[in-house]
């Protein structure tokens, strides 16, 4: 197999990873836009942790803007880092008690959060690949 063919497969894999993370995270952001009451929960968690509540609006950056940029392949590594930070906030503000828990089916209680955190971290390291508006 030629080096170009291997590179094309790598780039396709990066595209699939970007689309998966971007689209699935975007659903969460759209849900927050459609149900603005969820911001009150985030405000409560932030104030309970002694953090300013205006940080809650960062969820729109982490769950709407960053996923859109990842899907398009614009500022991909930076956008993925935003999702990593977003997920760290979610885990430590809401899910710390679940870190070492399993579901009734034996899966990790934080599978979804872990998926978003670790796949976004992979994009930080891998970059966009060539199938992007602005490859990095």
N, C-alpha and C. Protein backbone atom coordinates (compact mmCIF):
# COMPACT_ATOMS: atom_id res chain seq x y z
N UNK A 1 0.85 -1.18 0.00
CA UNK A 1 0.00 0.00 0.00
C UNK A 1 0.90 1.24 0.00
N UNK A 2 0.56 2.21 -0.82
CA UNK A 2 1.38 3.42 -0.94
C UNK A 2 1.19 4.33 0.27
N UNK A 3 2.15 5.21 0.44
CA UNK A 3 2.07 6.18 1.55
C UNK A 3 0.85 7.08 1.38
N UNK A 4 0.54 7.45 0.13
CA UNK A 4 -0.64 8.30 -0.11
C UNK A 4 -1.93 7.59 0.27
N UNK A 5 -2.02 6.29 -0.03
CA UNK A 5 -3.22 5.53 0.32
C UNK A 5 -3.36 5.42 1.84
N UNK A 6 -2.24 5.22 2.53
CA UNK A 6 -2.28 5.17 3.99
C UNK A 6 -2.70 6.51 4.57
N UNK A 7 -2.19 7.60 4.00
CA UNK A 7 -2.55 8.93 4.48
C UNK A 7 -4.03 9.21 4.26
N UNK A 8 -4.56 8.78 3.11
CA UNK A 8 -5.99 8.96 2.85
C UNK A 8 -6.84 8.21 3.85
N UNK A 9 -6.42 6.99 4.21
CA UNK A 9 -7.18 6.22 5.21
C UNK A 9 -7.10 6.89 6.57
N UNK A 10 -5.92 7.40 6.92
CA UNK A 10 -5.78 8.12 8.18
C UNK A 10 -6.68 9.34 8.21
N UNK A 11 -6.67 10.09 7.12
CA UNK A 11 -7.50 11.29 7.04
C UNK A 11 -8.98 10.95 7.10
N UNK A 12 -9.39 9.84 6.50
CA UNK A 12 -10.79 9.42 6.56
C UNK A 12 -11.15 9.04 8.00
N UNK A 13 -10.26 8.36 8.69
CA UNK A 13 -10.48 8.02 10.08
C UNK A 13 -10.63 9.26 10.94
N UNK A 14 -9.81 10.27 10.69
CA UNK A 14 -9.91 11.53 11.44
C UNK A 14 -11.23 12.23 11.14
N UNK A 15 -11.66 12.18 9.89
CA UNK A 15 -12.95 12.78 9.53
C UNK A 15 -14.10 12.08 10.26
N UNK A 16 -14.08 10.75 10.28
CA UNK A 16 -15.13 9.99 10.96
C UNK A 16 -15.13 10.33 12.45
N UNK A 17 -13.96 10.42 13.06
CA UNK A 17 -13.85 10.78 14.48
C UNK A 17 -14.41 12.18 14.71
N UNK A 18 -14.03 13.14 13.85
CA UNK A 18 -14.53 14.51 13.99
C UNK A 18 -16.04 14.57 13.85
N UNK A 19 -16.59 13.88 12.85
CA UNK A 19 -18.04 13.90 12.64
C UNK A 19 -18.76 13.28 13.83
N UNK A 20 -18.25 12.18 14.33
CA UNK A 20 -18.90 11.49 15.45
C UNK A 20 -18.94 12.39 16.68
N UNK A 21 -17.80 12.91 17.08
CA UNK A 21 -17.74 13.77 18.27
C UNK A 21 -18.56 15.04 18.05
N UNK A 22 -18.35 15.67 16.91
CA UNK A 22 -19.03 16.94 16.64
C UNK A 22 -20.54 16.82 16.61
N UNK A 23 -21.04 15.84 15.87
CA UNK A 23 -22.50 15.70 15.74
C UNK A 23 -23.13 15.29 17.07
N UNK A 24 -22.53 14.31 17.74
CA UNK A 24 -23.13 13.85 19.00
C UNK A 24 -23.08 14.91 20.08
N UNK A 25 -22.00 15.69 20.15
CA UNK A 25 -21.92 16.77 21.14
C UNK A 25 -22.90 17.89 20.78
N UNK A 26 -23.04 18.16 19.51
CA UNK A 26 -23.95 19.21 19.06
C UNK A 26 -25.39 18.94 19.50
N UNK A 27 -25.81 17.66 19.52
CA UNK A 27 -27.14 17.33 20.01
C UNK A 27 -27.34 17.83 21.44
N UNK A 28 -26.30 17.71 22.27
CA UNK A 28 -26.40 18.17 23.66
C UNK A 28 -26.52 19.69 23.71
N UNK A 29 -25.78 20.39 22.86
CA UNK A 29 -25.87 21.85 22.82
C UNK A 29 -27.22 22.33 22.34
N UNK A 30 -27.74 21.69 21.31
CA UNK A 30 -29.06 22.07 20.79
C UNK A 30 -30.13 21.83 21.86
N UNK A 31 -30.00 20.75 22.60
CA UNK A 31 -30.96 20.48 23.67
C UNK A 31 -30.92 21.59 24.72
N UNK A 32 -29.75 22.12 25.01
CA UNK A 32 -29.65 23.21 25.99
C UNK A 32 -30.24 24.50 25.44
N UNK A 33 -30.12 24.70 24.14
CA UNK A 33 -30.73 25.88 23.52
C UNK A 33 -32.26 25.75 23.56
N UNK A 34 -32.75 24.55 23.27
CA UNK A 34 -34.20 24.32 23.24
C UNK A 34 -34.82 24.31 24.63
N UNK A 35 -34.00 23.98 25.64
CA UNK A 35 -34.49 23.90 27.03
C UNK A 35 -33.59 24.77 27.91
N UNK A 36 -33.78 26.09 27.84
CA UNK A 36 -32.88 26.99 28.56
C UNK A 36 -32.92 26.82 30.08
N UNK A 37 -33.90 26.13 30.60
CA UNK A 37 -33.96 25.87 32.03
C UNK A 37 -32.78 25.04 32.52
N UNK A 38 -32.17 24.28 31.62
CA UNK A 38 -31.01 23.47 32.01
C UNK A 38 -29.84 24.35 32.45
N UNK A 39 -29.85 25.61 32.01
CA UNK A 39 -28.78 26.53 32.42
C UNK A 39 -28.88 26.84 33.91
N UNK A 40 -30.09 26.78 34.46
CA UNK A 40 -30.24 27.03 35.89
C UNK A 40 -29.54 25.95 36.70
N UNK A 41 -29.63 24.72 36.24
CA UNK A 41 -28.93 23.61 36.90
C UNK A 41 -27.42 23.85 36.86
N UNK A 42 -26.92 24.27 35.71
CA UNK A 42 -25.48 24.53 35.58
C UNK A 42 -25.08 25.69 36.49
N UNK A 43 -25.89 26.74 36.53
CA UNK A 43 -25.61 27.87 37.43
C UNK A 43 -25.54 27.41 38.88
N UNK A 44 -26.46 26.55 39.28
CA UNK A 44 -26.49 26.04 40.65
C UNK A 44 -25.21 25.26 40.96
N UNK A 45 -24.78 24.43 40.03
CA UNK A 45 -23.56 23.64 40.24
C UNK A 45 -22.33 24.54 40.33
N UNK A 46 -22.27 25.56 39.48
CA UNK A 46 -21.13 26.48 39.50
C UNK A 46 -21.09 27.28 40.80
N UNK A 47 -22.24 27.82 41.21
CA UNK A 47 -22.25 28.62 42.44
C UNK A 47 -21.96 27.74 43.64
N UNK A 48 -22.41 26.49 43.61
CA UNK A 48 -22.11 25.56 44.69
C UNK A 48 -20.63 25.25 44.80
N UNK A 49 -19.92 25.37 43.68
CA UNK A 49 -18.48 25.13 43.68
C UNK A 49 -17.70 26.43 43.91
N UNK A 50 -18.44 27.53 44.16
CA UNK A 50 -17.78 28.81 44.40
C UNK A 50 -17.28 29.49 43.14
N UNK A 51 -17.82 29.10 42.00
CA UNK A 51 -17.42 29.68 40.72
C UNK A 51 -18.49 30.66 40.24
N UNK A 52 -18.08 31.67 39.47
CA UNK A 52 -19.07 32.63 38.95
C UNK A 52 -20.02 31.95 37.96
N UNK A 53 -21.28 32.33 38.03
CA UNK A 53 -22.29 31.65 37.21
C UNK A 53 -22.23 32.05 35.73
N UNK A 54 -21.57 33.15 35.40
CA UNK A 54 -21.48 33.52 33.98
C UNK A 54 -20.71 32.46 33.19
N UNK A 55 -19.92 31.65 33.87
CA UNK A 55 -19.17 30.58 33.20
C UNK A 55 -20.13 29.60 32.54
N UNK A 56 -21.36 29.52 33.03
CA UNK A 56 -22.34 28.59 32.48
C UNK A 56 -22.55 28.81 30.99
N UNK A 57 -22.41 30.04 30.52
CA UNK A 57 -22.61 30.30 29.10
C UNK A 57 -21.52 29.68 28.24
N UNK A 58 -20.43 29.28 28.87
CA UNK A 58 -19.39 28.55 28.15
C UNK A 58 -19.87 27.23 27.60
N UNK A 59 -20.97 26.71 28.17
CA UNK A 59 -21.52 25.46 27.67
C UNK A 59 -21.96 25.61 26.22
N UNK A 60 -22.42 26.79 25.83
CA UNK A 60 -22.80 27.01 24.44
C UNK A 60 -21.58 26.99 23.52
N UNK A 61 -20.46 27.46 24.02
CA UNK A 61 -19.22 27.40 23.24
C UNK A 61 -18.77 25.95 23.13
N UNK A 62 -18.82 25.22 24.25
CA UNK A 62 -18.34 23.85 24.28
C UNK A 62 -19.26 22.83 23.64
N UNK A 63 -20.55 23.16 23.54
CA UNK A 63 -21.50 22.17 23.02
C UNK A 63 -22.19 22.60 21.74
N UNK A 64 -21.93 23.81 21.27
CA UNK A 64 -22.50 24.26 20.00
C UNK A 64 -21.38 24.74 19.06
N UNK A 65 -20.69 25.78 19.45
CA UNK A 65 -19.67 26.36 18.57
C UNK A 65 -18.51 25.40 18.31
N UNK A 66 -17.93 24.84 19.35
CA UNK A 66 -16.78 23.94 19.18
C UNK A 66 -17.15 22.72 18.32
N UNK A 67 -18.29 22.06 18.57
CA UNK A 67 -18.65 20.93 17.70
C UNK A 67 -18.84 21.34 16.23
N UNK A 68 -19.45 22.50 16.01
CA UNK A 68 -19.61 22.96 14.62
C UNK A 68 -18.26 23.17 13.95
N UNK A 69 -17.33 23.77 14.68
CA UNK A 69 -15.99 23.99 14.12
C UNK A 69 -15.27 22.67 13.87
N UNK A 70 -15.45 21.71 14.75
CA UNK A 70 -14.84 20.39 14.56
C UNK A 70 -15.42 19.70 13.33
N UNK A 71 -16.72 19.76 13.17
CA UNK A 71 -17.37 19.16 12.00
C UNK A 71 -16.82 19.78 10.72
N UNK A 72 -16.69 21.10 10.71
CA UNK A 72 -16.20 21.79 9.52
C UNK A 72 -14.70 21.63 9.30
N UNK A 73 -14.00 21.36 10.38
CA UNK A 73 -12.54 21.28 10.27
C UNK A 73 -11.89 22.64 10.33
N UNK A 74 -12.40 23.51 11.19
CA UNK A 74 -11.84 24.84 11.41
C UNK A 74 -11.36 24.93 12.85
N UNK A 75 -10.12 25.33 13.04
CA UNK A 75 -9.55 25.44 14.40
C UNK A 75 -9.85 24.16 15.18
N UNK A 76 -9.63 23.05 14.54
CA UNK A 76 -10.05 21.75 15.06
C UNK A 76 -9.42 21.42 16.40
N UNK A 77 -8.11 21.56 16.52
CA UNK A 77 -7.44 21.21 17.78
C UNK A 77 -7.92 22.10 18.92
N UNK A 78 -8.04 23.40 18.67
CA UNK A 78 -8.50 24.33 19.70
C UNK A 78 -9.94 24.02 20.11
N UNK A 79 -10.77 23.72 19.12
CA UNK A 79 -12.17 23.40 19.41
C UNK A 79 -12.29 22.12 20.22
N UNK A 80 -11.46 21.14 19.90
CA UNK A 80 -11.47 19.90 20.66
C UNK A 80 -11.00 20.16 22.09
N UNK A 81 -10.04 21.05 22.26
CA UNK A 81 -9.59 21.39 23.61
C UNK A 81 -10.71 22.05 24.41
N UNK A 82 -11.52 22.85 23.75
CA UNK A 82 -12.68 23.46 24.42
C UNK A 82 -13.62 22.37 24.92
N UNK A 83 -13.85 21.34 24.11
CA UNK A 83 -14.72 20.24 24.53
C UNK A 83 -14.08 19.48 25.70
N UNK A 84 -12.78 19.29 25.67
CA UNK A 84 -12.09 18.63 26.79
C UNK A 84 -12.34 19.41 28.08
N UNK A 85 -12.16 20.72 28.03
CA UNK A 85 -12.37 21.56 29.22
C UNK A 85 -13.84 21.50 29.65
N UNK A 86 -14.75 21.58 28.69
CA UNK A 86 -16.18 21.49 28.96
C UNK A 86 -16.51 20.20 29.70
N UNK A 87 -15.94 19.09 29.23
CA UNK A 87 -16.23 17.80 29.84
C UNK A 87 -15.58 17.68 31.22
N UNK A 88 -14.41 18.27 31.40
CA UNK A 88 -13.79 18.25 32.73
C UNK A 88 -14.67 19.00 33.73
N UNK A 89 -15.21 20.14 33.31
CA UNK A 89 -16.14 20.87 34.18
C UNK A 89 -17.35 19.99 34.50
N UNK A 90 -17.92 19.33 33.49
CA UNK A 90 -19.09 18.48 33.71
C UNK A 90 -18.78 17.35 34.68
N UNK A 91 -17.65 16.70 34.50
CA UNK A 91 -17.30 15.57 35.36
C UNK A 91 -17.09 16.04 36.79
N UNK A 92 -16.33 17.11 36.97
CA UNK A 92 -15.98 17.52 38.32
C UNK A 92 -17.09 18.29 39.04
N UNK A 93 -17.98 18.92 38.28
CA UNK A 93 -19.09 19.63 38.93
C UNK A 93 -20.28 18.73 39.22
N UNK A 94 -20.52 17.77 38.34
CA UNK A 94 -21.75 16.98 38.43
C UNK A 94 -21.50 15.50 38.70
N UNK A 95 -20.43 14.95 38.16
CA UNK A 95 -20.28 13.49 38.15
C UNK A 95 -19.14 12.94 38.99
N UNK A 96 -18.53 13.72 39.85
CA UNK A 96 -17.39 13.23 40.62
C UNK A 96 -17.77 11.98 41.42
N UNK A 97 -18.96 11.95 41.95
CA UNK A 97 -19.41 10.78 42.72
C UNK A 97 -19.60 9.54 41.88
N UNK A 98 -19.61 9.68 40.57
CA UNK A 98 -19.84 8.54 39.67
C UNK A 98 -18.54 7.99 39.08
N UNK A 99 -17.41 8.61 39.39
CA UNK A 99 -16.15 8.22 38.75
C UNK A 99 -15.85 6.73 38.84
N UNK A 100 -16.14 6.13 39.95
CA UNK A 100 -15.78 4.73 40.16
C UNK A 100 -17.01 3.84 40.25
N UNK A 101 -18.08 4.25 39.57
CA UNK A 101 -19.32 3.49 39.62
C UNK A 101 -19.59 2.82 38.27
N UNK A 102 -20.31 1.72 38.34
CA UNK A 102 -20.75 1.00 37.14
C UNK A 102 -22.27 1.09 37.05
N UNK A 103 -22.79 0.89 35.86
CA UNK A 103 -24.24 0.82 35.67
C UNK A 103 -24.72 -0.58 36.04
N UNK A 104 -26.01 -0.78 36.03
CA UNK A 104 -26.58 -2.10 36.31
C UNK A 104 -26.14 -3.13 35.25
N UNK A 105 -25.78 -2.65 34.07
CA UNK A 105 -25.34 -3.53 32.98
C UNK A 105 -23.84 -3.75 32.98
N UNK A 106 -23.13 -3.16 33.94
CA UNK A 106 -21.69 -3.38 34.05
C UNK A 106 -20.83 -2.36 33.32
N UNK A 107 -21.45 -1.40 32.67
CA UNK A 107 -20.68 -0.35 31.99
C UNK A 107 -20.26 0.73 32.98
N UNK A 108 -19.29 1.52 32.58
CA UNK A 108 -18.85 2.63 33.42
C UNK A 108 -19.96 3.66 33.48
N UNK A 109 -20.24 4.17 34.63
CA UNK A 109 -21.32 5.14 34.83
C UNK A 109 -21.10 6.41 34.00
N UNK A 110 -19.84 6.72 33.72
CA UNK A 110 -19.51 7.93 32.96
C UNK A 110 -19.09 7.61 31.52
N UNK A 111 -19.67 6.58 30.94
CA UNK A 111 -19.30 6.21 29.57
C UNK A 111 -19.45 7.37 28.61
N UNK A 112 -20.58 8.04 28.64
CA UNK A 112 -20.83 9.13 27.71
C UNK A 112 -19.86 10.28 27.92
N UNK A 113 -19.68 10.67 29.17
CA UNK A 113 -18.76 11.76 29.48
C UNK A 113 -17.34 11.35 29.10
N UNK A 114 -16.98 10.11 29.40
CA UNK A 114 -15.66 9.61 29.03
C UNK A 114 -15.46 9.59 27.53
N UNK A 115 -16.50 9.19 26.80
CA UNK A 115 -16.42 9.18 25.34
C UNK A 115 -16.10 10.58 24.82
N UNK A 116 -16.85 11.57 25.25
CA UNK A 116 -16.62 12.93 24.77
C UNK A 116 -15.26 13.46 25.20
N UNK A 117 -14.88 13.21 26.44
CA UNK A 117 -13.60 13.69 26.94
C UNK A 117 -12.43 13.07 26.18
N UNK A 118 -12.41 11.77 26.06
CA UNK A 118 -11.24 11.10 25.48
C UNK A 118 -11.19 11.19 23.96
N UNK A 119 -12.34 11.20 23.30
CA UNK A 119 -12.30 11.36 21.84
C UNK A 119 -11.93 12.79 21.47
N UNK A 120 -12.38 13.76 22.24
CA UNK A 120 -11.95 15.15 21.99
C UNK A 120 -10.45 15.28 22.24
N UNK A 121 -9.95 14.61 23.28
CA UNK A 121 -8.50 14.63 23.55
C UNK A 121 -7.74 14.00 22.38
N UNK A 122 -8.28 12.93 21.81
CA UNK A 122 -7.64 12.31 20.65
C UNK A 122 -7.56 13.29 19.48
N UNK A 123 -8.62 14.06 19.27
CA UNK A 123 -8.62 15.05 18.19
C UNK A 123 -7.58 16.14 18.46
N UNK A 124 -7.42 16.52 19.72
CA UNK A 124 -6.38 17.51 20.05
C UNK A 124 -5.03 17.00 19.55
N UNK A 125 -4.73 15.73 19.76
CA UNK A 125 -3.45 15.18 19.36
C UNK A 125 -3.37 14.85 17.87
N UNK A 126 -4.47 14.39 17.27
CA UNK A 126 -4.47 13.96 15.88
C UNK A 126 -4.66 15.10 14.88
N UNK A 127 -5.41 16.12 15.26
CA UNK A 127 -5.73 17.19 14.34
C UNK A 127 -6.87 16.82 13.42
N UNK A 128 -7.10 17.65 12.44
CA UNK A 128 -8.27 17.51 11.58
C UNK A 128 -8.12 16.49 10.47
N UNK A 129 -6.92 16.26 10.02
CA UNK A 129 -6.73 15.51 8.78
C UNK A 129 -6.97 16.43 7.60
N UNK A 130 -6.82 15.89 6.41
CA UNK A 130 -6.92 16.71 5.19
C UNK A 130 -8.35 17.03 4.77
N UNK A 131 -9.32 16.26 5.25
CA UNK A 131 -10.72 16.50 4.88
C UNK A 131 -11.31 17.53 5.83
N UNK A 132 -10.86 18.76 5.70
CA UNK A 132 -11.26 19.84 6.58
C UNK A 132 -11.18 21.14 5.79
N UNK A 133 -11.96 22.13 6.21
CA UNK A 133 -11.89 23.43 5.56
C UNK A 133 -10.51 24.03 5.74
N UNK A 134 -9.97 23.90 6.95
CA UNK A 134 -8.63 24.40 7.24
C UNK A 134 -7.85 23.29 7.95
N UNK A 135 -7.24 22.38 7.18
CA UNK A 135 -6.51 21.28 7.81
C UNK A 135 -5.39 21.79 8.71
N UNK A 136 -5.17 21.07 9.81
CA UNK A 136 -4.05 21.44 10.68
C UNK A 136 -3.06 20.30 10.81
